[in-house]
């Protein structure tokens, strides 16, 4: 199961929902001058054939650092919608994948187009996932693909659960102007998705697999030495 994972389709259907916590900070000469915090709530409103209509609502707070040293805050809500092809996991009319769901049949060193960037699969790592509905109840590690992109002005790192290809975590930083840095992160904090059982078991199976493989190798090596060097 570890060497050849079972690929299960994620049940993205009307009523499927998930929530991200998003934070973005703007620094000028190493001083924080603006901060954006938001909760992004997504829900699949309906689907026809392979296309799904996804509604997104953002509840945000923007803080700005004034010259006198004080902060002023704005609050608001925004709504938007988009259509995703459930089969290809791409936005309809675009060649790039949606940032929240990519194909799970990728492998190390593959290049995956997301937004306007081409991210490379750099490896795997476990990451804690908040589970439970409607409120987070517990946290378990899931095994994730790590995707990255680097340039002179930008650095992106994204985590996707390996079995389903669903988004878990994203961090970034870029330098739009000299002496200016924008950094941020986005985390999956709640969802009503029914994660496949293998998604939850895989992080625990890998150490067991490695230990078993090591013990088996020791046993084989011992048997070979006994045959070559009979006592």
C-alpha atoms as a PDB file:
ATOM      1  CA  UNK A   1       0.000   0.000   0.000  1.00  0.00           C
ATOM      2  CA  UNK A   2       2.926   2.354   0.691  1.00  0.00           C
ATOM      3  CA  UNK A   3       4.877   1.571  -2.470  1.00  0.00           C
ATOM      4  CA  UNK A   4       1.725   1.605  -4.609  1.00  0.00           C
ATOM      5  CA  UNK A   5      -0.831   3.767  -2.754  1.00  0.00           C
ATOM      6  CA  UNK A   6      -4.521   3.264  -3.346  1.00  0.00           C
ATOM      7  CA  UNK A   7      -5.861   6.338  -5.131  1.00  0.00           C
ATOM      8  CA  UNK A   8      -9.301   7.319  -3.916  1.00  0.00           C
ATOM      9  CA  UNK A   9     -11.349  10.113  -5.399  1.00  0.00           C
ATOM     10  CA  UNK A  10     -12.109  12.941  -2.991  1.00  0.00           C
ATOM     11  CA  UNK A  11     -15.879  13.312  -2.543  1.00  0.00           C
ATOM     12  CA  UNK A  12     -16.191  16.869  -3.838  1.00  0.00           C
ATOM     13  CA  UNK A  13     -19.931  17.298  -4.317  1.00  0.00           C
ATOM     14  CA  UNK A  14     -22.669  19.797  -3.439  1.00  0.00           C
ATOM     15  CA  UNK A  15     -22.383  20.630   0.241  1.00  0.00           C
ATOM     16  CA  UNK A  16     -18.638  19.959   0.482  1.00  0.00           C
ATOM     17  CA  UNK A  17     -17.028  22.819   2.413  1.00  0.00           C
ATOM     18  CA  UNK A  18     -13.682  23.850   3.839  1.00  0.00           C
ATOM     19  CA  UNK A  19     -12.162  26.856   5.638  1.00  0.00           C
ATOM     20  CA  UNK A  20      -8.734  28.469   5.363  1.00  0.00           C
ATOM     21  CA  UNK A  21      -7.022  30.815   7.769  1.00  0.00           C
ATOM     22  CA  UNK A  22      -5.013  33.340   5.758  1.00  0.00           C
ATOM     23  CA  UNK A  23      -2.433  35.875   6.966  1.00  0.00           C
ATOM     24  CA  UNK A  24      -0.359  38.319   4.915  1.00  0.00           C
ATOM     25  CA  UNK A  25       2.170  40.862   6.234  1.00  0.00           C
ATOM     26  CA  UNK A  26       3.906  43.754   4.533  1.00  0.00           C
ATOM     27  CA  UNK A  27       7.305  44.876   5.832  1.00  0.00           C
ATOM     28  CA  UNK A  28       9.161  48.030   4.819  1.00  0.00           C
ATOM     29  CA  UNK A  29      12.781  48.313   5.942  1.00  0.00           C
ATOM     30  CA  UNK A  30      12.101  45.390   8.322  1.00  0.00           C
ATOM     31  CA  UNK A  31       9.185  47.216   9.963  1.00  0.00           C
ATOM     32  CA  UNK A  32       5.669  45.740   9.839  1.00  0.00           C
ATOM     33  CA  UNK A  33       3.459  48.343   8.139  1.00  0.00           C
ATOM     34  CA  UNK A  34       0.385  46.351   7.117  1.00  0.00           C
ATOM     35  CA  UNK A  35      -1.267  43.068   8.083  1.00  0.00           C
ATOM     36  CA  UNK A  36      -4.164  41.242   6.448  1.00  0.00           C
ATOM     37  CA  UNK A  37      -5.989  38.452   8.306  1.00  0.00           C
ATOM     38  CA  UNK A  38      -8.924  36.515   6.942  1.00  0.00           C
ATOM     39  CA  UNK A  39     -11.027  33.376   7.088  1.00  0.00           C
ATOM     40  CA  UNK A  40     -11.834  32.051   3.633  1.00  0.00           C
ATOM     41  CA  UNK A  41     -14.883  29.784   3.527  1.00  0.00           C
ATOM     42  CA  UNK A  42     -15.509  27.636   0.457  1.00  0.00           C
ATOM     43  CA  UNK A  43     -18.545  25.544  -0.437  1.00  0.00           C
ATOM     44  CA  UNK A  44     -19.512  23.537  -3.513  1.00  0.00           C
ATOM     45  CA  UNK A  45     -22.935  24.990  -4.370  1.00  0.00           C
ATOM     46  CA  UNK A  46     -23.832  22.589  -7.161  1.00  0.00           C
ATOM     47  CA  UNK A  47     -22.291  20.445  -9.865  1.00  0.00           C
ATOM     48  CA  UNK A  48     -23.250  19.466 -13.383  1.00  0.00           C
ATOM     49  CA  UNK A  49     -21.381  16.653 -15.074  1.00  0.00           C
ATOM     50  CA  UNK A  50     -17.716  17.225 -14.262  1.00  0.00           C
ATOM     51  CA  UNK A  51     -18.073  20.919 -13.416  1.00  0.00           C
ATOM     52  CA  UNK A  52     -18.607  22.266  -9.905  1.00  0.00           C
ATOM     53  CA  UNK A  53     -19.650  25.769  -8.892  1.00  0.00           C
ATOM     54  CA  UNK A  54     -17.666  26.834  -5.827  1.00  0.00           C
ATOM     55  CA  UNK A  55     -18.703  29.805  -3.678  1.00  0.00           C
ATOM     56  CA  UNK A  56     -16.110  31.635  -1.585  1.00  0.00           C
ATOM     57  CA  UNK A  57     -16.740  34.078   1.264  1.00  0.00           C
ATOM     58  CA  UNK A  58     -13.953  36.053   2.908  1.00  0.00           C
ATOM     59  CA  UNK A  59     -14.232  37.706   6.306  1.00  0.00           C
ATOM     60  CA  UNK A  60     -11.162  39.880   6.739  1.00  0.00           C
ATOM     61  CA  UNK A  61      -9.369  42.469   8.852  1.00  0.00           C
ATOM     62  CA  UNK A  62      -6.710  44.840   7.513  1.00  0.00           C
ATOM     63  CA  UNK A  63      -4.408  46.689   9.882  1.00  0.00           C
ATOM     64  CA  UNK A  64      -2.267  49.646   8.771  1.00  0.00           C
ATOM     65  CA  UNK A  65       0.618  51.219  10.646  1.00  0.00           C
ATOM     66  CA  UNK A  66       0.319  55.013  10.724  1.00  0.00           C
ATOM     67  CA  UNK A  67       3.277  57.457  10.781  1.00  0.00           C
ATOM     68  CA  UNK A  68       2.514  58.345  14.416  1.00  0.00           C
ATOM     69  CA  UNK A  69       3.043  54.694  15.436  1.00  0.00           C
ATOM     70  CA  UNK A  70      -0.627  53.815  15.923  1.00  0.00           C
ATOM     71  CA  UNK A  71      -2.636  51.245  13.974  1.00  0.00           C
ATOM     72  CA  UNK A  72      -5.950  51.612  12.166  1.00  0.00           C
ATOM     73  CA  UNK A  73      -8.106  48.607  11.236  1.00  0.00           C
ATOM     74  CA  UNK A  74     -10.685  47.925   8.542  1.00  0.00           C
ATOM     75  CA  UNK A  75     -13.095  44.994   8.543  1.00  0.00           C
ATOM     76  CA  UNK A  76     -15.145  43.588   5.733  1.00  0.00           C
ATOM     77  CA  UNK A  77     -16.574  40.682   3.794  1.00  0.00           C
ATOM     78  CA  UNK A  78     -16.173  39.671   0.176  1.00  0.00           C
ATOM     79  CA  UNK A  79     -17.865  37.038  -1.956  1.00  0.00           C
ATOM     80  CA  UNK A  80     -16.814  35.413  -5.206  1.00  0.00           C
ATOM     81  CA  UNK A  81     -17.414  32.245  -7.193  1.00  0.00           C
ATOM     82  CA  UNK A  82     -15.628  30.111  -9.751  1.00  0.00           C
ATOM     83  CA  UNK A  83     -16.074  26.873 -11.683  1.00  0.00           C
ATOM     84  CA  UNK A  84     -13.727  23.904 -11.382  1.00  0.00           C
ATOM     85  CA  UNK A  85     -13.568  20.778 -13.519  1.00  0.00           C
ATOM     86  CA  UNK A  86     -13.754  17.957 -10.957  1.00  0.00           C
ATOM     87  CA  UNK A  87     -12.166  15.484 -13.362  1.00  0.00           C
ATOM     88  CA  UNK A  88      -9.095  17.562 -14.273  1.00  0.00           C
ATOM     89  CA  UNK A  89      -9.038  19.707 -11.093  1.00  0.00           C
ATOM     90  CA  UNK A  90      -8.461  22.810 -13.202  1.00  0.00           C
ATOM     91  CA  UNK A  91     -10.349  26.075 -13.321  1.00  0.00           C
ATOM     92  CA  UNK A  92     -12.664  26.075 -16.303  1.00  0.00           C
ATOM     93  CA  UNK A  93     -11.000  28.101 -19.050  1.00  0.00           C
ATOM     94  CA  UNK A  94      -7.539  27.824 -17.482  1.00  0.00           C
ATOM     95  CA  UNK A  95      -4.626  25.422 -17.865  1.00  0.00           C
ATOM     96  CA  UNK A  96      -3.575  25.834 -14.215  1.00  0.00           C
ATOM     97  CA  UNK A  97      -4.854  23.677 -11.377  1.00  0.00           C
ATOM     98  CA  UNK A  98      -6.919  25.112  -8.572  1.00  0.00           C
ATOM     99  CA  UNK A  99      -4.688  25.850  -5.593  1.00  0.00           C
ATOM    100  CA  UNK A 100      -6.925  23.789  -3.297  1.00  0.00           C
ATOM    101  CA  UNK A 101      -6.945  20.541  -5.285  1.00  0.00           C
ATOM    102  CA  UNK A 102      -4.325  19.028  -7.592  1.00  0.00           C
ATOM    103  CA  UNK A 103      -3.893  15.556  -9.135  1.00  0.00           C
ATOM    104  CA  UNK A 104      -2.674  12.962  -6.641  1.00  0.00           C
ATOM    105  CA  UNK A 105      -0.857  10.958  -9.342  1.00  0.00           C
ATOM    106  CA  UNK A 106       2.203  13.185  -9.212  1.00  0.00           C
ATOM    107  CA  UNK A 107       5.719  12.193  -8.225  1.00  0.00           C
ATOM    108  CA  UNK A 108       8.963  13.794  -7.110  1.00  0.00           C
ATOM    109  CA  UNK A 109      10.430  16.338  -9.554  1.00  0.00           C
ATOM    110  CA  UNK A 110       7.134  16.749 -11.481  1.00  0.00           C
ATOM    111  CA  UNK A 111       6.201  20.303 -12.474  1.00  0.00           C
ATOM    112  CA  UNK A 112       2.664  21.365 -11.498  1.00  0.00           C
ATOM    113  CA  UNK A 113       1.120  24.606 -12.864  1.00  0.00           C
ATOM    114  CA  UNK A 114      -0.777  26.533 -10.171  1.00  0.00           C
ATOM    115  CA  UNK A 115      -1.940  30.105 -10.744  1.00  0.00           C
ATOM    116  CA  UNK A 116       0.722  31.623 -13.027  1.00  0.00           C
ATOM    117  CA  UNK A 117       3.611  29.675 -11.446  1.00  0.00           C
ATOM    118  CA  UNK A 118       5.113  26.312 -12.285  1.00  0.00           C
ATOM    119  CA  UNK A 119       5.845  24.559  -8.997  1.00  0.00           C
ATOM    120  CA  UNK A 120       8.129  21.534  -8.680  1.00  0.00           C
ATOM    121  CA  UNK A 121       7.446  18.540  -6.435  1.00  0.00           C
ATOM    122  CA  UNK A 122      10.433  18.594  -4.080  1.00  0.00           C
ATOM    123  CA  UNK A 123       9.564  15.706  -1.754  1.00  0.00           C
ATOM    124  CA  UNK A 124       7.170  14.520   0.947  1.00  0.00           C
ATOM    125  CA  UNK A 125       6.636  15.240   4.641  1.00  0.00           C
ATOM    126  CA  UNK A 126       3.958  14.682   7.292  1.00  0.00           C
ATOM    127  CA  UNK A 127       1.867  17.626   8.447  1.00  0.00           C
ATOM    128  CA  UNK A 128      -0.811  17.978  11.097  1.00  0.00           C
ATOM    129  CA  UNK A 129      -4.352  18.222   9.755  1.00  0.00           C
ATOM    130  CA  UNK A 130      -7.251  19.568  11.817  1.00  0.00           C
ATOM    131  CA  UNK A 131     -10.157  17.131  11.617  1.00  0.00           C
ATOM    132  CA  UNK A 132     -13.707  17.058  12.879  1.00  0.00           C
ATOM    133  CA  UNK A 133     -16.972  18.714  11.929  1.00  0.00           C
ATOM    134  CA  UNK A 134     -18.585  21.104  12.297  1.00  0.00           C
ATOM    135  CA  UNK A 135     -15.843  22.175  14.736  1.00  0.00           C
ATOM    136  CA  UNK A 136     -12.229  20.933  14.896  1.00  0.00           C
ATOM    137  CA  UNK A 137     -12.099  17.968  17.259  1.00  0.00           C
ATOM    138  CA  UNK A 138      -8.613  16.534  16.901  1.00  0.00           C
ATOM    139  CA  UNK A 139      -5.427  16.700  14.843  1.00  0.00           C
ATOM    140  CA  UNK A 140      -3.686  13.903  12.986  1.00  0.00           C
ATOM    141  CA  UNK A 141      -0.640  13.861  10.710  1.00  0.00           C
ATOM    142  CA  UNK A 142      -1.159  13.284   6.998  1.00  0.00           C
ATOM    143  CA  UNK A 143       1.547  12.540   4.450  1.00  0.00           C
ATOM    144  CA  UNK A 144       1.919  15.434   1.990  1.00  0.00           C
ATOM    145  CA  UNK A 145       3.569  16.247  -1.289  1.00  0.00           C
ATOM    146  CA  UNK A 146       5.729  19.382  -0.985  1.00  0.00           C
ATOM    147  CA  UNK A 147       5.638  21.743  -3.965  1.00  0.00           C
ATOM    148  CA  UNK A 148       8.005  24.680  -4.271  1.00  0.00           C
ATOM    149  CA  UNK A 149       8.914  27.593  -6.489  1.00  0.00           C
ATOM    150  CA  UNK A 150      11.817  30.007  -6.100  1.00  0.00           C
ATOM    151  CA  UNK A 151      13.005  33.043  -8.005  1.00  0.00           C
ATOM    152  CA  UNK A 152      14.969  36.169  -7.174  1.00  0.00           C
ATOM    153  CA  UNK A 153      11.861  37.865  -5.800  1.00  0.00           C
ATOM    154  CA  UNK A 154       9.530  35.014  -4.808  1.00  0.00           C
ATOM    155  CA  UNK A 155       9.524  31.850  -2.697  1.00  0.00           C
ATOM    156  CA  UNK A 156       6.465  29.545  -2.524  1.00  0.00           C
ATOM    157  CA  UNK A 157       5.932  26.299  -0.570  1.00  0.00           C
ATOM    158  CA  UNK A 158       2.695  24.291  -0.698  1.00  0.00           C
ATOM    159  CA  UNK A 159       1.615  21.040   0.971  1.00  0.00           C
ATOM    160  CA  UNK A 160      -0.961  18.665  -0.536  1.00  0.00           C
ATOM    161  CA  UNK A 161      -2.216  15.424   1.013  1.00  0.00           C
ATOM    162  CA  UNK A 162      -0.742  12.623  -1.110  1.00  0.00           C
ATOM    163  CA  UNK A 163      -3.715  10.283  -1.509  1.00  0.00           C
ATOM    164  CA  UNK A 164      -6.311  12.907  -2.438  1.00  0.00           C
ATOM    165  CA  UNK A 165      -4.257  15.851  -3.720  1.00  0.00           C
ATOM    166  CA  UNK A 166      -6.177  18.221  -1.439  1.00  0.00           C
ATOM    167  CA  UNK A 167      -4.582  21.402  -0.093  1.00  0.00           C
ATOM    168  CA  UNK A 168      -3.237  21.470   3.491  1.00  0.00           C
ATOM    169  CA  UNK A 169      -0.799  24.399   3.886  1.00  0.00           C
ATOM    170  CA  UNK A 170       0.866  27.226   1.933  1.00  0.00           C
ATOM    171  CA  UNK A 171       3.571  29.751   2.854  1.00  0.00           C
ATOM    172  CA  UNK A 172       5.171  32.423   0.716  1.00  0.00           C
ATOM    173  CA  UNK A 173       7.291  35.525   0.604  1.00  0.00           C
ATOM    174  CA  UNK A 174       8.203  37.926  -2.168  1.00  0.00           C
ATOM    175  CA  UNK A 175       9.937  41.246  -2.652  1.00  0.00           C
ATOM    176  CA  UNK A 176       7.873  43.520  -4.908  1.00  0.00           C
ATOM    177  CA  UNK A 177      10.155  46.538  -4.349  1.00  0.00           C
ATOM    178  CA  UNK A 178      13.573  47.217  -2.796  1.00  0.00           C
ATOM    179  CA  UNK A 179      13.559  47.092   1.026  1.00  0.00           C
ATOM    180  CA  UNK A 180      10.036  45.631   0.914  1.00  0.00           C
ATOM    181  CA  UNK A 181       8.964  42.114   1.867  1.00  0.00           C
ATOM    182  CA  UNK A 182       5.535  40.480   1.731  1.00  0.00           C
ATOM    183  CA  UNK A 183       5.100  37.195   3.589  1.00  0.00           C
ATOM    184  CA  UNK A 184       2.123  35.065   4.451  1.00  0.00           C
ATOM    185  CA  UNK A 185       0.590  31.669   4.979  1.00  0.00           C
ATOM    186  CA  UNK A 186      -2.680  29.826   4.415  1.00  0.00           C
ATOM    187  CA  UNK A 187      -3.804  26.793   6.421  1.00  0.00           C
ATOM    188  CA  UNK A 188      -6.703  24.381   6.133  1.00  0.00           C
ATOM    189  CA  UNK A 189      -8.422  24.640   9.539  1.00  0.00           C
ATOM    190  CA  UNK A 190     -11.807  22.930   9.041  1.00  0.00           C
ATOM    191  CA  UNK A 191     -13.618  20.789   6.485  1.00  0.00           C
ATOM    192  CA  UNK A 192     -16.480  18.315   6.197  1.00  0.00           C
ATOM    193  CA  UNK A 193     -14.539  16.137   3.753  1.00  0.00           C
ATOM    194  CA  UNK A 194     -14.571  12.403   4.439  1.00  0.00           C
ATOM    195  CA  UNK A 195     -10.849  11.722   4.174  1.00  0.00           C
ATOM    196  CA  UNK A 196      -9.986   8.261   2.840  1.00  0.00           C
ATOM    197  CA  UNK A 197      -8.835   5.893   5.567  1.00  0.00           C
ATOM    198  CA  UNK A 198      -5.461   5.416   3.863  1.00  0.00           C
ATOM    199  CA  UNK A 199      -4.825   9.179   4.085  1.00  0.00           C
ATOM    200  CA  UNK A 200      -4.997   8.959   7.868  1.00  0.00           C
ATOM    201  CA  UNK A 201      -3.085   5.686   8.183  1.00  0.00           C
ATOM    202  CA  UNK A 202      -0.224   6.407   5.774  1.00  0.00           C
ATOM    203  CA  UNK A 203       1.993   8.478   8.169  1.00  0.00           C
ATOM    204  CA  UNK A 204       1.816   5.647  10.712  1.00  0.00           C
ATOM    205  CA  UNK A 205       2.404   2.903   8.143  1.00  0.00           C
ATOM    206  CA  UNK A 206       5.599   4.408   6.746  1.00  0.00           C
ATOM    207  CA  UNK A 207       7.661   4.074   9.984  1.00  0.00           C
ATOM    208  CA  UNK A 208       6.329   0.532  10.437  1.00  0.00           C
ATOM    209  CA  UNK A 209       7.279  -0.259   6.845  1.00  0.00           C
ATOM    210  CA  UNK A 210      10.813   1.110   7.295  1.00  0.00           C
ATOM    211  CA  UNK A 211      11.373  -0.740  10.573  1.00  0.00           C
ATOM    212  CA  UNK A 212      10.066  -3.976   9.065  1.00  0.00           C
ATOM    213  CA  UNK A 213      12.279  -3.518   6.013  1.00  0.00           C
ATOM    214  CA  UNK A 214      15.323  -2.912   8.245  1.00  0.00           C
ATOM    215  CA  UNK A 215      14.623  -6.021  10.326  1.00  0.00           C
ATOM    216  CA  UNK A 216      14.107  -8.078   7.195  1.00  0.00           C
ATOM    217  CA  UNK A 217      17.385  -6.787   5.747  1.00  0.00           C
ATOM    218  CA  UNK A 218      19.230  -7.694   8.958  1.00  0.00           C
ATOM    219  CA  UNK A 219      17.723 -11.183   8.884  1.00  0.00           C
ATOM    220  CA  UNK A 220      18.730 -11.720   5.255  1.00  0.00           C
ATOM    221  CA  UNK A 221      22.235 -10.365   5.882  1.00  0.00           C
ATOM    222  CA  UNK A 222      22.627 -12.649   8.893  1.00  0.00           C
ATOM    223  CA  UNK A 223      21.566 -15.661   6.843  1.00  0.00           C
ATOM    224  CA  UNK A 224      24.014 -14.762   4.051  1.00  0.00           C
ATOM    225  CA  UNK A 225      26.874 -14.398   6.513  1.00  0.00           C
ATOM    226  CA  UNK A 226      26.024 -17.741   8.094  1.00  0.00           C
ATOM    227  CA  UNK A 227      26.216 -19.413   4.682  1.00  0.00           C
ATOM    228  CA  UNK A 228      29.472 -17.686   3.743  1.00  0.00           C
ATOM    229  CA  UNK A 229      31.110 -18.044   7.132  1.00  0.00           C
ATOM    230  CA  UNK A 230      29.828 -21.288   8.625  1.00  0.00           C
ATOM    231  CA  UNK A 231      30.651 -21.692  12.282  1.00  0.00           C
END
